[in-house]
N, C-alpha and C. Protein backbone atom coordinates (compact mmCIF):
# COMPACT_ATOMS: atom_id res chain seq x y z
N MET A 1 -38.83 -109.99 74.25
CA MET A 1 -39.31 -108.98 73.66
C MET A 1 -40.97 -108.99 73.39
N LYS A 2 -41.16 -107.31 73.52
CA LYS A 2 -43.25 -107.79 74.23
C LYS A 2 -42.97 -106.53 73.03
N PHE A 3 -44.43 -107.55 72.58
CA PHE A 3 -45.33 -106.74 71.16
C PHE A 3 -46.49 -106.56 72.15
N ASN A 4 -46.91 -105.64 71.11
CA ASN A 4 -48.51 -104.76 71.26
C ASN A 4 -49.68 -106.43 70.65
N SER A 5 -51.05 -105.98 71.11
CA SER A 5 -51.50 -106.86 70.19
C SER A 5 -52.10 -106.81 68.69
N ILE A 6 -51.48 -106.08 68.12
CA ILE A 6 -51.52 -105.58 66.54
C ILE A 6 -50.56 -106.38 65.85
N ILE A 7 -50.78 -107.35 65.31
CA ILE A 7 -49.61 -108.14 64.30
C ILE A 7 -50.48 -108.26 62.81
N ASN A 8 -49.43 -107.75 61.99
CA ASN A 8 -49.92 -108.00 59.90
C ASN A 8 -49.45 -109.04 59.69
N GLY A 9 -50.65 -109.26 58.95
CA GLY A 9 -49.97 -110.91 58.35
C GLY A 9 -49.85 -110.28 56.59
N TRP A 10 -48.48 -110.92 55.90
CA TRP A 10 -48.46 -110.34 54.83
C TRP A 10 -48.85 -111.23 53.50
N ASP A 11 -49.08 -111.52 52.36
CA ASP A 11 -48.11 -112.34 51.50
C ASP A 11 -48.06 -111.73 50.34
N ILE A 12 -46.50 -111.40 49.83
CA ILE A 12 -46.23 -111.65 49.26
C ILE A 12 -46.60 -112.32 47.88
N GLY A 13 -46.90 -112.01 46.50
CA GLY A 13 -46.98 -113.11 46.15
C GLY A 13 -46.53 -112.27 44.28
N GLY A 14 -46.22 -112.85 43.30
CA GLY A 14 -45.40 -112.45 42.13
C GLY A 14 -46.76 -111.47 41.64
N VAL A 15 -47.99 -111.35 41.66
CA VAL A 15 -48.72 -110.15 40.99
C VAL A 15 -50.14 -109.56 41.92
N ASN A 16 -49.85 -109.53 43.04
CA ASN A 16 -50.22 -109.49 44.45
C ASN A 16 -50.11 -109.20 46.54
N ILE A 17 -50.54 -108.02 46.35
CA ILE A 17 -49.84 -107.91 47.65
C ILE A 17 -51.50 -108.12 48.71
N LYS A 18 -51.12 -108.92 49.64
CA LYS A 18 -52.06 -109.00 50.26
C LYS A 18 -51.30 -109.04 52.28
N ALA A 19 -52.06 -108.51 52.62
CA ALA A 19 -52.45 -107.60 54.06
C ALA A 19 -53.57 -107.69 54.74
N MET A 20 -53.03 -107.78 55.48
CA MET A 20 -54.06 -107.92 57.03
C MET A 20 -53.87 -108.10 58.05
N GLN A 21 -54.71 -107.51 59.36
CA GLN A 21 -54.32 -106.56 60.07
C GLN A 21 -55.18 -107.49 61.34
N ILE A 22 -54.47 -107.71 62.48
CA ILE A 22 -55.48 -108.91 63.45
C ILE A 22 -55.13 -108.18 64.96
N ASN A 23 -56.29 -108.06 65.84
CA ASN A 23 -56.04 -108.04 67.12
C ASN A 23 -55.97 -108.71 67.86
N SER A 24 -55.73 -109.38 68.79
CA SER A 24 -55.05 -110.42 69.69
C SER A 24 -55.16 -110.41 71.05
N SER A 25 -55.10 -108.86 71.39
CA SER A 25 -55.53 -109.14 72.31
C SER A 25 -56.30 -109.45 74.03
N SER A 26 -57.50 -109.86 73.04
CA SER A 26 -58.47 -110.28 74.48
C SER A 26 -59.16 -111.11 73.49
N GLY A 27 -60.17 -112.57 74.34
CA GLY A 27 -60.72 -112.83 73.32
C GLY A 27 -60.88 -113.56 71.76
N PRO A 28 -61.75 -113.28 70.61
CA PRO A 28 -61.07 -114.45 69.95
C PRO A 28 -60.46 -113.52 68.79
N VAL A 29 -59.34 -114.08 68.02
CA VAL A 29 -58.49 -113.32 66.97
C VAL A 29 -59.98 -111.93 66.17
N SER A 30 -59.60 -110.73 66.17
CA SER A 30 -60.72 -110.27 65.38
C SER A 30 -59.72 -109.56 64.05
N ILE A 31 -60.04 -109.74 62.94
CA ILE A 31 -59.69 -108.69 61.96
C ILE A 31 -60.76 -107.80 61.60
N LEU A 32 -59.08 -106.66 61.71
CA LEU A 32 -59.12 -105.23 61.59
C LEU A 32 -59.32 -104.65 60.75
N ARG A 33 -58.17 -104.89 59.20
CA ARG A 33 -58.53 -104.47 58.14
C ARG A 33 -57.98 -105.35 57.64
N SER A 34 -57.99 -104.92 56.62
CA SER A 34 -57.28 -106.36 55.59
C SER A 34 -57.20 -105.20 53.97
N ILE A 35 -56.56 -105.92 53.15
CA ILE A 35 -56.55 -104.98 51.78
C ILE A 35 -55.21 -106.02 50.60
N ASN A 36 -55.84 -106.02 49.21
CA ASN A 36 -55.37 -106.74 48.48
C ASN A 36 -55.22 -105.57 47.27
N THR A 37 -53.78 -105.83 47.14
CA THR A 37 -53.71 -104.42 45.88
C THR A 37 -53.52 -105.33 44.36
N PRO A 38 -53.33 -105.01 43.48
CA PRO A 38 -52.38 -105.74 42.11
C PRO A 38 -51.27 -104.87 42.28
N PHE A 39 -50.40 -106.11 42.13
CA PHE A 39 -48.44 -106.28 41.92
C PHE A 39 -47.55 -106.84 41.28
N GLU A 40 -47.77 -106.72 40.00
CA GLU A 40 -46.78 -107.78 39.55
C GLU A 40 -45.37 -107.08 39.63
N ILE A 41 -45.05 -107.94 40.06
CA ILE A 41 -43.33 -107.70 40.52
C ILE A 41 -42.58 -107.58 39.65
N TRP A 42 -42.72 -107.89 38.36
CA TRP A 42 -41.31 -108.45 37.56
C TRP A 42 -41.33 -107.32 36.63
N HIS A 43 -42.78 -106.31 36.93
CA HIS A 43 -42.61 -104.91 36.10
C HIS A 43 -41.83 -103.90 36.45
N ASN A 44 -42.07 -103.51 37.53
CA ASN A 44 -41.02 -102.78 38.37
C ASN A 44 -40.91 -103.52 39.93
N PRO A 45 -40.05 -103.98 41.15
CA PRO A 45 -39.61 -104.57 41.60
C PRO A 45 -39.04 -103.67 42.65
N ASP A 46 -38.26 -102.80 41.97
CA ASP A 46 -37.72 -101.06 42.68
C ASP A 46 -39.40 -101.07 43.19
N GLU A 47 -40.35 -100.59 42.51
CA GLU A 47 -41.65 -99.96 43.21
C GLU A 47 -42.14 -100.53 45.07
N LEU A 48 -41.74 -102.06 45.14
CA LEU A 48 -42.14 -102.84 46.12
C LEU A 48 -42.18 -102.31 47.70
N ALA A 49 -41.44 -101.33 48.03
CA ALA A 49 -41.04 -100.63 49.39
C ALA A 49 -42.27 -99.90 49.35
N ALA A 50 -42.25 -98.49 48.24
CA ALA A 50 -43.48 -98.27 48.00
C ALA A 50 -44.72 -99.16 48.13
N ARG A 51 -44.90 -99.94 47.19
CA ARG A 51 -46.43 -100.50 47.73
C ARG A 51 -46.69 -100.90 49.03
N LEU A 52 -45.64 -101.43 49.54
CA LEU A 52 -45.61 -101.69 50.82
C LEU A 52 -45.66 -101.24 51.76
N ASN A 53 -45.63 -99.53 51.92
CA ASN A 53 -45.80 -98.81 52.81
C ASN A 53 -46.78 -98.20 52.22
N ASP A 54 -47.30 -98.14 51.52
CA ASP A 54 -49.03 -97.67 50.77
C ASP A 54 -49.90 -98.52 51.75
N ALA A 55 -49.37 -99.66 51.51
CA ALA A 55 -50.63 -100.43 51.96
C ALA A 55 -50.41 -100.21 54.03
N GLY A 56 -50.27 -100.73 54.24
CA GLY A 56 -49.13 -100.14 55.41
C GLY A 56 -49.49 -98.64 55.82
N ASN A 57 -50.06 -97.75 55.07
CA ASN A 57 -50.55 -96.83 55.61
C ASN A 57 -51.82 -96.72 55.62
N TYR A 58 -52.84 -98.03 54.21
CA TYR A 58 -54.09 -98.20 54.44
C TYR A 58 -54.51 -98.91 55.96
N LEU A 59 -53.73 -99.69 56.36
CA LEU A 59 -54.05 -100.83 57.52
C LEU A 59 -53.84 -99.89 58.55
N ASP A 60 -53.27 -98.88 58.21
CA ASP A 60 -52.67 -97.70 59.64
C ASP A 60 -51.48 -98.51 60.65
N ILE A 61 -50.98 -99.56 60.21
CA ILE A 61 -49.53 -99.94 60.90
C ILE A 61 -48.74 -99.11 61.34
N LYS A 62 -48.70 -98.94 62.92
CA LYS A 62 -48.04 -98.04 63.55
C LYS A 62 -46.18 -98.76 63.76
N ASP A 63 -45.22 -97.76 64.34
CA ASP A 63 -44.11 -98.31 64.26
C ASP A 63 -43.85 -99.42 65.88
N ASP A 64 -43.19 -100.38 65.31
CA ASP A 64 -42.42 -101.55 65.76
C ASP A 64 -44.11 -102.43 66.27
N GLN A 65 -44.82 -102.52 65.04
CA GLN A 65 -45.96 -103.43 65.21
C GLN A 65 -45.21 -104.85 64.56
N PRO A 66 -45.72 -106.14 65.12
CA PRO A 66 -44.84 -107.22 63.99
C PRO A 66 -45.39 -107.07 62.85
N HIS A 67 -44.79 -108.09 61.81
CA HIS A 67 -44.64 -108.85 60.64
C HIS A 67 -44.94 -110.29 60.81
N GLY A 68 -45.90 -111.37 60.26
CA GLY A 68 -45.84 -112.02 59.52
C GLY A 68 -45.62 -112.33 57.95
N VAL A 69 -44.66 -112.53 57.17
CA VAL A 69 -44.90 -112.18 56.26
C VAL A 69 -44.29 -113.70 55.45
N THR A 70 -46.02 -114.74 54.18
CA THR A 70 -44.93 -114.98 53.55
C THR A 70 -44.70 -114.59 52.22
N ILE A 71 -43.50 -116.05 51.31
CA ILE A 71 -43.42 -115.25 49.74
C ILE A 71 -43.73 -116.37 49.09
N THR A 72 -44.46 -115.89 47.70
CA THR A 72 -43.81 -116.57 46.69
C THR A 72 -43.54 -115.60 45.50
N ALA A 73 -43.22 -114.33 45.67
CA ALA A 73 -42.77 -113.16 44.49
C ALA A 73 -41.55 -113.96 44.37
N GLU A 74 -40.58 -114.21 44.72
CA GLU A 74 -39.03 -114.91 44.75
C GLU A 74 -39.23 -115.70 43.83
N LEU A 75 -40.11 -116.01 43.26
CA LEU A 75 -40.07 -117.11 42.34
C LEU A 75 -40.22 -116.45 40.65
N SER A 76 -40.53 -115.52 40.94
CA SER A 76 -41.03 -114.85 38.80
C SER A 76 -39.38 -114.22 38.46
N ASP A 77 -40.10 -113.72 37.74
CA ASP A 77 -38.81 -113.99 36.69
C ASP A 77 -37.72 -112.43 37.06
N ALA A 78 -38.46 -112.39 38.02
CA ALA A 78 -37.75 -110.83 38.42
C ALA A 78 -36.56 -110.83 39.44
N PHE A 79 -36.15 -112.26 39.76
CA PHE A 79 -34.60 -112.26 40.07
C PHE A 79 -34.66 -113.89 39.64
N ARG A 80 -33.16 -113.04 39.44
CA ARG A 80 -31.93 -114.34 38.80
C ARG A 80 -32.37 -116.07 40.24
N THR A 81 -32.43 -116.20 40.98
CA THR A 81 -32.12 -116.96 42.03
C THR A 81 -33.71 -116.72 43.35
N LYS A 82 -33.60 -117.62 43.86
CA LYS A 82 -35.09 -117.71 44.94
C LYS A 82 -34.08 -117.10 46.00
N ARG A 83 -33.16 -117.46 46.16
CA ARG A 83 -32.36 -116.34 47.07
C ARG A 83 -32.02 -114.97 46.77
N GLU A 84 -31.97 -114.37 46.13
CA GLU A 84 -32.04 -112.71 45.54
C GLU A 84 -33.75 -112.48 45.68
N GLY A 85 -34.29 -112.94 45.78
CA GLY A 85 -35.45 -112.75 44.89
C GLY A 85 -36.07 -112.69 47.09
N ILE A 86 -35.87 -113.78 48.08
CA ILE A 86 -36.32 -113.37 49.40
C ILE A 86 -34.97 -112.96 50.08
N HIS A 87 -33.66 -111.87 49.19
CA HIS A 87 -33.09 -110.77 50.30
C HIS A 87 -34.23 -109.48 49.64
N PHE A 88 -34.54 -109.77 48.27
CA PHE A 88 -34.82 -108.48 48.24
C PHE A 88 -36.24 -107.81 48.21
N ILE A 89 -36.99 -108.77 48.64
CA ILE A 89 -38.23 -109.09 49.38
C ILE A 89 -37.96 -107.87 50.98
N LEU A 90 -37.08 -109.05 51.65
CA LEU A 90 -36.78 -108.58 53.20
C LEU A 90 -36.14 -107.36 52.81
N ASP A 91 -35.40 -106.76 52.22
CA ASP A 91 -34.79 -105.46 52.08
C ASP A 91 -35.71 -104.07 52.57
N ALA A 92 -36.78 -104.88 51.16
CA ALA A 92 -38.14 -103.92 50.68
C ALA A 92 -38.72 -103.47 52.44
N PHE A 93 -38.92 -104.54 53.27
CA PHE A 93 -39.30 -104.65 54.24
C PHE A 93 -38.85 -103.44 54.79
N LYS A 94 -37.37 -103.88 55.59
CA LYS A 94 -36.73 -103.20 56.42
C LYS A 94 -37.28 -101.40 55.68
N LYS A 95 -37.10 -101.19 54.50
CA LYS A 95 -37.51 -99.71 53.82
C LYS A 95 -38.78 -99.17 53.85
N ALA A 96 -39.65 -100.31 54.64
CA ALA A 96 -40.84 -100.15 54.57
C ALA A 96 -41.31 -99.67 55.87
N PHE A 97 -40.64 -100.95 56.26
CA PHE A 97 -41.25 -100.79 58.50
C PHE A 97 -40.25 -101.13 59.14
N PHE A 98 -39.16 -99.99 58.86
CA PHE A 98 -36.90 -100.07 59.48
C PHE A 98 -38.00 -99.78 60.72
N ASN A 99 -38.71 -99.95 62.12
CA ASN A 99 -38.53 -99.86 63.27
C ASN A 99 -39.83 -101.54 63.36
N SER A 100 -40.30 -101.71 62.45
CA SER A 100 -41.25 -102.61 63.52
C SER A 100 -40.33 -104.94 63.12
N PRO A 101 -40.45 -105.59 63.71
CA PRO A 101 -40.00 -106.77 63.27
C PRO A 101 -40.73 -107.73 62.33
N VAL A 102 -39.81 -108.24 61.68
CA VAL A 102 -40.26 -109.18 60.32
C VAL A 102 -40.09 -110.53 60.57
N PHE A 103 -41.13 -111.39 60.98
CA PHE A 103 -41.39 -112.73 60.67
C PHE A 103 -41.60 -113.25 59.58
N ILE A 104 -40.83 -114.01 58.51
CA ILE A 104 -40.71 -114.87 57.68
C ILE A 104 -41.18 -116.28 57.95
N PHE A 105 -42.46 -117.31 57.26
CA PHE A 105 -42.58 -118.43 57.43
C PHE A 105 -42.35 -118.80 56.29
N ASN A 106 -41.39 -120.14 56.53
CA ASN A 106 -40.51 -121.10 55.54
C ASN A 106 -39.39 -120.47 54.40
N LEU A 107 -38.48 -119.55 55.17
CA LEU A 107 -37.57 -119.30 54.20
C LEU A 107 -37.17 -119.51 53.21
N TYR A 108 -36.66 -121.04 53.41
CA TYR A 108 -35.20 -121.59 52.69
C TYR A 108 -36.03 -122.89 52.28
């Protein structure tokens, strides 16, 4: 699998969505854009995919760019179990970025 030099990193927390887009093409890694947007997942979890898409539009994410994700929102009261929360968040990424590979840090 060949990736371009643009990588999107995400932190999906219980009260914020944080993301950063970097360019790793040559020399030191450079930050292209970043966003930190409030989102209390327990208020309306079904909005997550749309909020990821909004953040992706702000970052100017293109199809097929890889995403590295760390998650803490799976522990919120929106989910009965950690596993349910993780799968819900992964499904939201699939909806928002269906052509892009998603890599999860420390899944279980």
